[in-house]
PDB file of N, CA and C in Angstrom:
ATOM      1  N   UNK A   1       1.771   7.869  14.418  1.00  0.00           N
ATOM      2  CA  UNK A   1       2.923   8.720  14.226  1.00  0.00           C
ATOM      3  C   UNK A   1       4.146   7.938  14.694  1.00  0.00           C
ATOM      4  N   UNK A   2       5.186   7.928  13.888  1.00  0.00           N
ATOM      5  CA  UNK A   2       6.377   7.182  14.276  1.00  0.00           C
ATOM      6  C   UNK A   2       7.249   7.992  15.243  1.00  0.00           C
ATOM      7  N   UNK A   3       8.360   7.421  15.647  1.00  0.00           N
ATOM      8  CA  UNK A   3       9.229   8.069  16.639  1.00  0.00           C
ATOM      9  C   UNK A   3       9.874   9.355  16.120  1.00  0.00           C
ATOM     10  N   UNK A   4       9.888   9.548  14.808  1.00  0.00           N
ATOM     11  CA  UNK A   4      10.443  10.770  14.226  1.00  0.00           C
ATOM     12  C   UNK A   4       9.408  11.876  14.098  1.00  0.00           C
ATOM     13  N   UNK A   5       8.179  11.615  14.568  1.00  0.00           N
ATOM     14  CA  UNK A   5       7.132  12.611  14.468  1.00  0.00           C
ATOM     15  C   UNK A   5       6.518  12.700  13.080  1.00  0.00           C
ATOM     16  N   UNK A   6       6.592  11.580  12.338  1.00  0.00           N
ATOM     17  CA  UNK A   6       6.037  11.546  10.985  1.00  0.00           C
ATOM     18  C   UNK A   6       4.814  10.636  10.970  1.00  0.00           C
ATOM     19  N   UNK A   7       3.727  11.152  10.423  1.00  0.00           N
ATOM     20  CA  UNK A   7       2.493  10.398  10.281  1.00  0.00           C
ATOM     21  C   UNK A   7       2.404   9.908   8.844  1.00  0.00           C
ATOM     22  N   UNK A   8       2.264   8.600   8.660  1.00  0.00           N
ATOM     23  CA  UNK A   8       2.149   8.010   7.332  1.00  0.00           C
ATOM     24  C   UNK A   8       0.710   7.538   7.149  1.00  0.00           C
ATOM     25  N   UNK A   9       0.074   7.985   6.070  1.00  0.00           N
ATOM     26  CA  UNK A   9      -1.340   7.688   5.836  1.00  0.00           C
ATOM     27  C   UNK A   9      -1.487   7.089   4.439  1.00  0.00           C
ATOM     28  N   UNK A  10      -2.308   6.040   4.328  1.00  0.00           N
ATOM     29  CA  UNK A  10      -2.727   5.516   3.027  1.00  0.00           C
ATOM     30  C   UNK A  10      -4.194   5.883   2.882  1.00  0.00           C
ATOM     31  N   UNK A  11      -4.567   6.425   1.722  1.00  0.00           N
ATOM     32  CA  UNK A  11      -5.934   6.903   1.528  1.00  0.00           C
ATOM     33  C   UNK A  11      -6.403   6.544   0.127  1.00  0.00           C
ATOM     34  N   UNK A  12      -7.718   6.424  -0.054  1.00  0.00           N
ATOM     35  CA  UNK A  12      -8.275   6.018  -1.347  1.00  0.00           C
ATOM     36  C   UNK A  12      -8.267   7.130  -2.390  1.00  0.00           C
ATOM     37  N   UNK A  13      -8.272   8.361  -1.950  1.00  0.00           N
ATOM     38  CA  UNK A  13      -8.246   9.488  -2.884  1.00  0.00           C
ATOM     39  C   UNK A  13      -7.371  10.588  -2.306  1.00  0.00           C
ATOM     40  N   UNK A  14      -7.053  11.576  -3.136  1.00  0.00           N
ATOM     41  CA  UNK A  14      -6.224  12.683  -2.653  1.00  0.00           C
ATOM     42  C   UNK A  14      -6.961  13.397  -1.524  1.00  0.00           C
ATOM     43  N   UNK A  15      -6.331  13.546  -0.369  1.00  0.00           N
ATOM     44  CA  UNK A  15      -7.008  14.118   0.796  1.00  0.00           C
ATOM     45  C   UNK A  15      -6.999  15.645   0.818  1.00  0.00           C
ATOM     46  N   UNK A  16      -7.273  16.274  -0.325  1.00  0.00           N
ATOM     47  CA  UNK A  16      -7.231  17.734  -0.437  1.00  0.00           C
ATOM     48  C   UNK A  16      -8.050  18.461   0.635  1.00  0.00           C
ATOM     49  N   UNK A  17      -9.225  17.950   1.058  1.00  0.00           N
ATOM     50  CA  UNK A  17      -9.976  18.667   2.096  1.00  0.00           C
ATOM     51  C   UNK A  17      -9.211  18.810   3.424  1.00  0.00           C
ATOM     52  N   UNK A  18      -8.222  17.943   3.650  1.00  0.00           N
ATOM     53  CA  UNK A  18      -7.469  18.002   4.899  1.00  0.00           C
ATOM     54  C   UNK A  18      -6.278  18.957   4.848  1.00  0.00           C
ATOM     55  N   UNK A  19      -5.868  19.375   3.664  1.00  0.00           N
ATOM     56  CA  UNK A  19      -4.667  20.194   3.537  1.00  0.00           C
ATOM     57  C   UNK A  19      -4.745  21.469   4.371  1.00  0.00           C
ATOM     58  N   UNK A  20      -5.850  22.190   4.303  1.00  0.00           N
ATOM     59  CA  UNK A  20      -5.997  23.418   5.095  1.00  0.00           C
ATOM     60  C   UNK A  20      -5.998  23.130   6.585  1.00  0.00           C
ATOM     61  N   UNK A  21      -6.648  22.049   6.980  1.00  0.00           N
ATOM     62  CA  UNK A  21      -6.701  21.666   8.395  1.00  0.00           C
ATOM     63  C   UNK A  21      -5.298  21.360   8.901  1.00  0.00           C
ATOM     64  N   UNK A  22      -4.570  20.547   8.148  1.00  0.00           N
ATOM     65  CA  UNK A  22      -3.216  20.195   8.566  1.00  0.00           C
ATOM     66  C   UNK A  22      -2.323  21.421   8.620  1.00  0.00           C
ATOM     67  N   UNK A  23      -2.471  22.328   7.676  1.00  0.00           N
ATOM     68  CA  UNK A  23      -1.657  23.538   7.665  1.00  0.00           C
ATOM     69  C   UNK A  23      -1.936  24.375   8.917  1.00  0.00           C
ATOM     70  N   UNK A  24      -3.207  24.509   9.283  1.00  0.00           N
ATOM     71  CA  UNK A  24      -3.553  25.270  10.500  1.00  0.00           C
ATOM     72  C   UNK A  24      -3.001  24.608  11.757  1.00  0.00           C
ATOM     73  N   UNK A  25      -2.860  23.280  11.724  1.00  0.00           N
ATOM     74  CA  UNK A  25      -2.318  22.559  12.868  1.00  0.00           C
ATOM     75  C   UNK A  25      -0.793  22.543  12.865  1.00  0.00           C
ATOM     76  N   UNK A  26      -0.181  23.104  11.825  1.00  0.00           N
ATOM     77  CA  UNK A  26       1.270  23.191  11.767  1.00  0.00           C
ATOM     78  C   UNK A  26       1.952  22.024  11.082  1.00  0.00           C
ATOM     79  N   UNK A  27       1.187  21.161  10.421  1.00  0.00           N
ATOM     80  CA  UNK A  27       1.783  20.027   9.723  1.00  0.00           C
ATOM     81  C   UNK A  27       2.285  20.437   8.348  1.00  0.00           C
ATOM     82  N   UNK A  28       3.400  19.863   7.955  1.00  0.00           N
ATOM     83  CA  UNK A  28       3.863  19.917   6.577  1.00  0.00           C
ATOM     84  C   UNK A  28       3.532  18.554   6.001  1.00  0.00           C
ATOM     85  N   UNK A  29       3.142  18.490   4.742  1.00  0.00           N
ATOM     86  CA  UNK A  29       2.748  17.209   4.185  1.00  0.00           C
ATOM     87  C   UNK A  29       3.149  17.077   2.721  1.00  0.00           C
ATOM     88  N   UNK A  30       3.264  15.826   2.316  1.00  0.00           N
ATOM     89  CA  UNK A  30       3.508  15.474   0.925  1.00  0.00           C
ATOM     90  C   UNK A  30       2.540  14.346   0.601  1.00  0.00           C
ATOM     91  N   UNK A  31       1.783  14.492  -0.491  1.00  0.00           N
ATOM     92  CA  UNK A  31       0.850  13.457  -0.935  1.00  0.00           C
ATOM     93  C   UNK A  31       1.285  12.976  -2.309  1.00  0.00           C
ATOM     94  N   UNK A  32       1.390  11.653  -2.452  1.00  0.00           N
ATOM     95  CA  UNK A  32       1.826  11.058  -3.714  1.00  0.00           C
ATOM     96  C   UNK A  32       0.819   9.978  -4.108  1.00  0.00           C
ATOM     97  N   UNK A  33       0.363  10.046  -5.347  1.00  0.00           N
ATOM     98  CA  UNK A  33      -0.547   9.015  -5.844  1.00  0.00           C
ATOM     99  C   UNK A  33       0.260   7.755  -6.109  1.00  0.00           C
ATOM    100  N   UNK A  34      -0.062   6.694  -5.373  1.00  0.00           N
ATOM    101  CA  UNK A  34       0.659   5.426  -5.487  1.00  0.00           C
ATOM    102  C   UNK A  34       0.141   4.628  -6.679  1.00  0.00           C
ATOM    103  N   UNK A  35      -1.173   4.561  -6.845  1.00  0.00           N
ATOM    104  CA  UNK A  35      -1.812   3.940  -8.001  1.00  0.00           C
ATOM    105  C   UNK A  35      -3.212   4.518  -8.139  1.00  0.00           C
ATOM    106  N   UNK A  36      -4.051   3.924  -8.951  1.00  0.00           N
ATOM    107  CA  UNK A  36      -5.373   4.496  -9.214  1.00  0.00           C
ATOM    108  C   UNK A  36      -6.255   4.608  -7.978  1.00  0.00           C
ATOM    109  N   UNK A  37      -6.042   3.759  -6.998  1.00  0.00           N
ATOM    110  CA  UNK A  37      -6.929   3.742  -5.833  1.00  0.00           C
ATOM    111  C   UNK A  37      -6.221   3.990  -4.507  1.00  0.00           C
ATOM    112  N   UNK A  38      -4.988   4.482  -4.556  1.00  0.00           N
ATOM    113  CA  UNK A  38      -4.269   4.673  -3.290  1.00  0.00           C
ATOM    114  C   UNK A  38      -3.326   5.865  -3.346  1.00  0.00           C
ATOM    115  N   UNK A  39      -3.422   6.709  -2.329  1.00  0.00           N
ATOM    116  CA  UNK A  39      -2.513   7.837  -2.117  1.00  0.00           C
ATOM    117  C   UNK A  39      -1.707   7.557  -0.863  1.00  0.00           C
ATOM    118  N   UNK A  40      -0.455   7.958  -0.860  1.00  0.00           N
ATOM    119  CA  UNK A  40       0.400   7.877   0.328  1.00  0.00           C
ATOM    120  C   UNK A  40       0.691   9.307   0.769  1.00  0.00           C
ATOM    121  N   UNK A  41       0.395   9.579   2.030  1.00  0.00           N
ATOM    122  CA  UNK A  41       0.580  10.920   2.575  1.00  0.00           C
ATOM    123  C   UNK A  41       1.557  10.832   3.740  1.00  0.00           C
ATOM    124  N   UNK A  42       2.515  11.721   3.739  1.00  0.00           N
ATOM    125  CA  UNK A  42       3.507  11.814   4.820  1.00  0.00           C
ATOM    126  C   UNK A  42       3.357  13.197   5.429  1.00  0.00           C
ATOM    127  N   UNK A  43       3.008  13.243   6.709  1.00  0.00           N
ATOM    128  CA  UNK A  43       2.820  14.516   7.409  1.00  0.00           C
ATOM    129  C   UNK A  43       3.786  14.575   8.592  1.00  0.00           C
ATOM    130  N   UNK A  44       4.374  15.753   8.807  1.00  0.00           N
ATOM    131  CA  UNK A  44       5.301  15.908   9.931  1.00  0.00           C
ATOM    132  C   UNK A  44       5.108  17.273  10.565  1.00  0.00           C
ATOM    133  N   UNK A  45       5.637  17.402  11.772  1.00  0.00           N
ATOM    134  CA  UNK A  45       5.476  18.649  12.528  1.00  0.00           C
ATOM    135  C   UNK A  45       4.182  18.605  13.290  1.00  0.00           C
ATOM    136  N   UNK A  46       3.440  19.675  13.225  1.00  0.00           N
ATOM    137  CA  UNK A  46       2.115  19.696  13.833  1.00  0.00           C
ATOM    138  C   UNK A  46       2.096  19.943  15.318  1.00  0.00           C
ATOM    139  N   UNK A  47       0.950  19.668  15.896  1.00  0.00           N
ATOM    140  CA  UNK A  47       0.692  20.030  17.289  1.00  0.00           C
ATOM    141  C   UNK A  47       1.657  19.387  18.265  1.00  0.00           C
ATOM    142  N   UNK A  48       2.112  18.166  18.023  1.00  0.00           N
ATOM    143  CA  UNK A  48       3.038  17.520  18.964  1.00  0.00           C
ATOM    144  C   UNK A  48       4.364  18.282  19.012  1.00  0.00           C
ATOM    145  N   UNK A  49       4.865  18.697  17.858  1.00  0.00           N
ATOM    146  CA  UNK A  49       6.117  19.446  17.796  1.00  0.00           C
ATOM    147  C   UNK A  49       5.914  20.828  18.410  1.00  0.00           C
ATOM    148  N   UNK A  50       4.787  21.470  18.092  1.00  0.00           N
ATOM    149  CA  UNK A  50       4.532  22.806  18.598  1.00  0.00           C
ATOM    150  C   UNK A  50       4.384  22.845  20.116  1.00  0.00           C
ATOM    151  N   UNK A  51       4.039  21.720  20.732  1.00  0.00           N
ATOM    152  CA  UNK A  51       3.931  21.664  22.191  1.00  0.00           C
ATOM    153  C   UNK A  51       5.254  21.287  22.846  1.00  0.00           C
ATOM    154  N   UNK A  52       6.294  21.118  22.038  1.00  0.00           N
ATOM    155  CA  UNK A  52       7.604  20.835  22.601  1.00  0.00           C
ATOM    156  C   UNK A  52       7.847  19.383  22.930  1.00  0.00           C
ATOM    157  N   UNK A  53       7.085  18.467  22.368  1.00  0.00           N
ATOM    158  CA  UNK A  53       7.304  17.039  22.616  1.00  0.00           C
ATOM    159  C   UNK A  53       8.437  16.515  21.794  1.00  0.00           C
TER     160      UNK A  53
END
């Protein structure tokens, strides 16, 4: 997670199974297919923000 509280993830496929988990943890996310074998996911908020960090 960078200093702005944003988590940047590269993944081989769309991480749809994580969407519900991240939502329950308070994360907002955007997933973009970069090419046939790579997705870029940007997640922000979440437990660190909710704890007042």
